[in-house]
Amino acid sequence: MDELLQRCKEKDKEAWGLLFEKYHRQIYQTALIFAGNRTLAEDITQEAFIRAVTKINLFNPCYSFEAWLYRIVVNVSRNMIRSHKWTSLFQSFRKGSLNARDAYDPFAVLEEDEQKKILRAIINELPYKVREVIVLRYFNGFAQDEVAAILEIPVGTVKSRINTGLNKMRQKIKMHSSIGEVLKL
């Protein structure tokens, strides 16, 4: 294993292929359990291996490679699942449906309209600079670096504003059980 890892550090694609073959099923299964969604689990698996490839020089041989790799999987899973929840909420808001209720049920439609009003009010309470980042990122689907280019600000500022905005929204959403249930907060 040490020789294989050394080859990986030397950017040997064949060595990475061998590691991928050895671990990808286990990582995918773990990601699937975490995410509960095949597509998201595939994305997590791919992102975990990409991060492992780019950060292999940070691997500390005091720990097992497997433990190091799974630490990456856990971190990637947490980040992608959190992002996926918010993205799903905003996409459903854009498409006109916050949940999978029957569109012919007038009470469900009224409740959904109320949820949209609450969410819109929560977004409108955000400071303008935070709101514009949230809207560009989640409503329009731009990547963080694209948002930074659009607003002509550093990517770190975009990340900070997203974090601030989502934290403020999370606090407000928890007060409204109907939206909190959709997000599972």
Protein backbone atom coordinates (compact mmCIF):
# COMPACT_ATOMS: atom_id res chain seq x y z
CA MET A 1 0.00 0.00 0.00
CA ASP A 2 2.85 2.41 0.81
CA GLU A 3 4.27 1.95 -2.69
CA LEU A 4 0.86 2.57 -4.25
CA LEU A 5 0.41 5.76 -2.22
CA GLN A 6 3.87 6.95 -3.21
CA ARG A 7 2.98 6.38 -6.86
CA CYS A 8 -0.20 8.41 -6.31
CA LYS A 9 1.85 11.25 -4.84
CA GLU A 10 3.94 11.12 -8.00
CA LYS A 11 0.74 11.64 -10.04
CA ASP A 12 0.67 8.07 -11.41
CA LYS A 13 -2.79 7.73 -13.01
CA GLU A 14 -2.62 3.94 -12.99
CA ALA A 15 -2.04 3.97 -9.22
CA TRP A 16 -5.05 6.25 -8.73
CA GLY A 17 -7.07 3.90 -10.91
CA LEU A 18 -6.13 1.01 -8.62
CA LEU A 19 -7.10 2.96 -5.51
CA PHE A 20 -10.36 3.98 -7.14
CA GLU A 21 -11.16 0.36 -8.00
CA LYS A 22 -10.36 -0.71 -4.46
CA TYR A 23 -12.46 1.92 -2.65
CA HIS A 24 -15.12 3.37 -4.95
CA ARG A 25 -17.86 0.83 -4.12
CA GLN A 26 -17.41 1.25 -0.38
CA ILE A 27 -17.33 5.03 -0.67
CA TYR A 28 -20.39 5.07 -2.90
CA GLN A 29 -22.30 2.85 -0.45
CA THR A 30 -21.31 5.10 2.44
CA ALA A 31 -22.30 8.22 0.50
CA LEU A 32 -25.62 6.60 -0.46
CA ILE A 33 -26.41 5.91 3.19
CA PHE A 34 -25.50 9.49 4.13
CA ALA A 35 -27.35 11.14 1.22
CA GLY A 36 -30.24 8.76 0.63
CA ASN A 37 -30.06 9.74 -3.04
CA ARG A 38 -28.16 7.88 -5.79
CA THR A 39 -27.29 10.94 -7.86
CA LEU A 40 -26.01 12.85 -4.84
CA ALA A 41 -24.07 9.75 -3.69
CA GLU A 42 -22.37 9.56 -7.11
CA ASP A 43 -21.47 13.25 -6.88
CA ILE A 44 -20.08 12.77 -3.36
CA THR A 45 -18.02 9.77 -4.48
CA GLN A 46 -16.58 11.68 -7.43
CA GLU A 47 -15.84 14.80 -5.38
CA ALA A 48 -14.21 12.75 -2.60
CA PHE A 49 -11.80 11.16 -5.06
CA ILE A 50 -11.05 14.48 -6.72
CA ARG A 51 -10.20 15.96 -3.32
CA ALA A 52 -8.08 12.93 -2.44
CA VAL A 53 -6.12 13.30 -5.68
CA THR A 54 -5.54 17.01 -5.16
CA LYS A 55 -4.68 16.67 -1.47
CA ILE A 56 -2.68 13.43 -1.44
CA ASN A 57 0.44 15.33 -0.41
CA LEU A 58 -1.36 16.30 2.83
CA PHE A 59 -1.88 12.64 3.74
CA ASN A 60 -0.27 11.90 7.09
CA PRO A 61 1.05 8.30 7.25
CA CYS A 62 0.45 8.30 11.03
CA TYR A 63 -3.14 7.42 10.11
CA SER A 64 -4.36 4.78 7.71
CA PHE A 65 -5.06 5.87 4.17
CA GLU A 66 -8.56 4.46 4.52
CA ALA A 67 -9.28 6.63 7.58
CA TRP A 68 -7.95 9.69 5.77
CA LEU A 69 -10.04 8.94 2.68
CA TYR A 70 -13.20 8.41 4.73
CA ARG A 71 -12.60 11.69 6.55
CA ILE A 72 -12.73 13.32 3.13
CA VAL A 73 -15.93 11.40 2.30
CA VAL A 74 -17.58 12.55 5.54
CA ASN A 75 -16.63 16.19 4.95
CA VAL A 76 -17.71 16.15 1.31
CA SER A 77 -20.99 14.45 2.28
CA ARG A 78 -21.78 17.01 4.94
CA ASN A 79 -21.10 19.91 2.60
CA MET A 80 -22.92 18.51 -0.40
CA ILE A 81 -25.96 17.34 1.56
CA ARG A 82 -26.27 20.72 3.27
CA SER A 83 -25.93 22.50 -0.05
CA HIS A 84 -28.36 20.07 -1.72
CA LYS A 85 -31.08 20.79 0.87
CA TRP A 86 -30.86 24.53 0.27
CA THR A 87 -30.61 24.15 -3.49
CA SER A 88 -33.66 21.84 -3.53
CA LEU A 89 -35.66 24.30 -1.45
CA PHE A 90 -34.82 27.24 -3.71
CA GLN A 91 -35.41 25.22 -6.90
CA SER A 92 -38.80 24.08 -5.69
CA PHE A 93 -39.58 27.70 -4.76
CA ARG A 94 -38.68 28.80 -8.30
CA LYS A 95 -40.68 26.00 -9.91
CA GLY A 96 -43.72 26.80 -7.82
CA SER A 97 -43.81 23.74 -5.57
CA LEU A 98 -42.26 23.53 -2.11
CA ASN A 99 -43.40 19.96 -1.56
CA ALA A 100 -44.98 17.07 -3.39
CA ARG A 101 -48.56 17.75 -2.35
CA ASP A 102 -51.53 17.23 -4.60
CA ALA A 103 -52.01 20.37 -6.70
CA TYR A 104 -55.76 19.70 -6.69
CA ASP A 105 -56.00 19.94 -2.90
CA PRO A 106 -56.97 23.57 -2.21
CA PHE A 107 -55.71 23.40 1.38
CA ALA A 108 -52.32 22.14 0.19
CA VAL A 109 -52.14 24.95 -2.38
CA LEU A 110 -53.01 27.55 0.28
CA GLU A 111 -50.41 26.12 2.66
CA GLU A 112 -47.80 26.13 -0.08
CA ASP A 113 -48.62 29.75 -0.95
CA GLU A 114 -48.21 30.63 2.72
CA GLN A 115 -44.82 28.86 2.79
CA LYS A 116 -43.70 30.86 -0.24
CA LYS A 117 -44.78 34.12 1.39
CA ILE A 118 -42.87 33.24 4.55
CA LEU A 119 -39.76 32.26 2.60
CA ARG A 120 -39.94 35.43 0.49
CA ALA A 121 -40.28 37.53 3.67
CA ILE A 122 -37.30 35.75 5.26
CA ILE A 123 -35.17 36.39 2.16
CA ASN A 124 -36.26 40.02 2.05
CA GLU A 125 -35.13 40.48 5.67
CA LEU A 126 -31.55 39.62 4.71
CA PRO A 127 -29.13 42.52 4.26
CA TYR A 128 -29.05 43.49 0.58
CA LYS A 129 -25.47 42.33 -0.09
CA VAL A 130 -26.21 38.95 1.50
CA ARG A 131 -29.53 38.66 -0.33
CA GLU A 132 -27.97 39.29 -3.74
CA VAL A 133 -25.44 36.48 -3.20
CA ILE A 134 -28.18 34.06 -2.02
CA VAL A 135 -30.38 34.91 -5.01
CA LEU A 136 -27.57 34.54 -7.55
CA ARG A 137 -26.29 31.31 -6.00
CA TYR A 138 -29.51 29.46 -5.22
CA PHE A 139 -32.26 30.98 -7.35
CA ASN A 140 -30.14 31.39 -10.46
CA GLY A 141 -27.78 28.45 -9.90
CA PHE A 142 -24.48 30.28 -10.36
CA ALA A 143 -21.35 28.72 -8.86
CA GLN A 144 -19.58 30.69 -6.13
CA ASP A 145 -16.80 31.82 -8.47
CA GLU A 146 -19.40 33.00 -11.00
CA VAL A 147 -21.22 34.98 -8.30
CA ALA A 148 -17.88 36.54 -7.36
CA ALA A 149 -17.26 37.54 -10.98
CA ILE A 150 -20.78 38.95 -11.41
CA LEU A 151 -20.54 41.05 -8.24
CA GLU A 152 -16.82 41.78 -8.67
CA ILE A 153 -15.98 40.59 -5.16
CA PRO A 154 -13.59 37.89 -3.88
CA VAL A 155 -14.85 34.29 -3.70
CA GLY A 156 -14.13 34.35 0.05
CA THR A 157 -16.60 37.21 0.43
CA VAL A 158 -19.21 35.23 -1.51
CA LYS A 159 -18.68 32.23 0.78
CA SER A 160 -18.92 34.41 3.86
CA ARG A 161 -22.13 36.05 2.70
CA ILE A 162 -23.67 32.69 1.78
CA ASN A 163 -22.81 31.35 5.22
CA THR A 164 -24.25 34.44 6.90
CA GLY A 165 -27.40 34.34 4.81
CA LEU A 166 -28.10 30.65 5.26
CA ASN A 167 -27.51 30.86 9.01
CA LYS A 168 -29.92 33.78 9.33
CA MET A 169 -32.47 31.99 7.17
CA ARG A 170 -32.08 28.77 9.16
CA GLN A 171 -32.85 30.63 12.39
CA LYS A 172 -35.96 32.24 10.91
CA ILE A 173 -37.15 29.06 9.18
CA LYS A 174 -37.02 27.09 12.43
CA MET A 175 -39.76 29.39 13.72
CA HIS A 176 -42.04 28.30 10.86
CA SER A 177 -42.67 24.57 11.18
CA SER A 178 -44.18 24.15 7.69
CA ILE A 179 -40.99 25.27 5.91
CA GLY A 180 -38.76 23.63 8.54
CA GLU A 181 -40.40 20.31 7.72
CA VAL A 182 -39.59 20.72 4.02
CA LEU A 183 -35.92 21.43 4.88
CA LYS A 184 -35.92 18.95 7.79
CA LEU A 185 -34.40 21.54 10.14
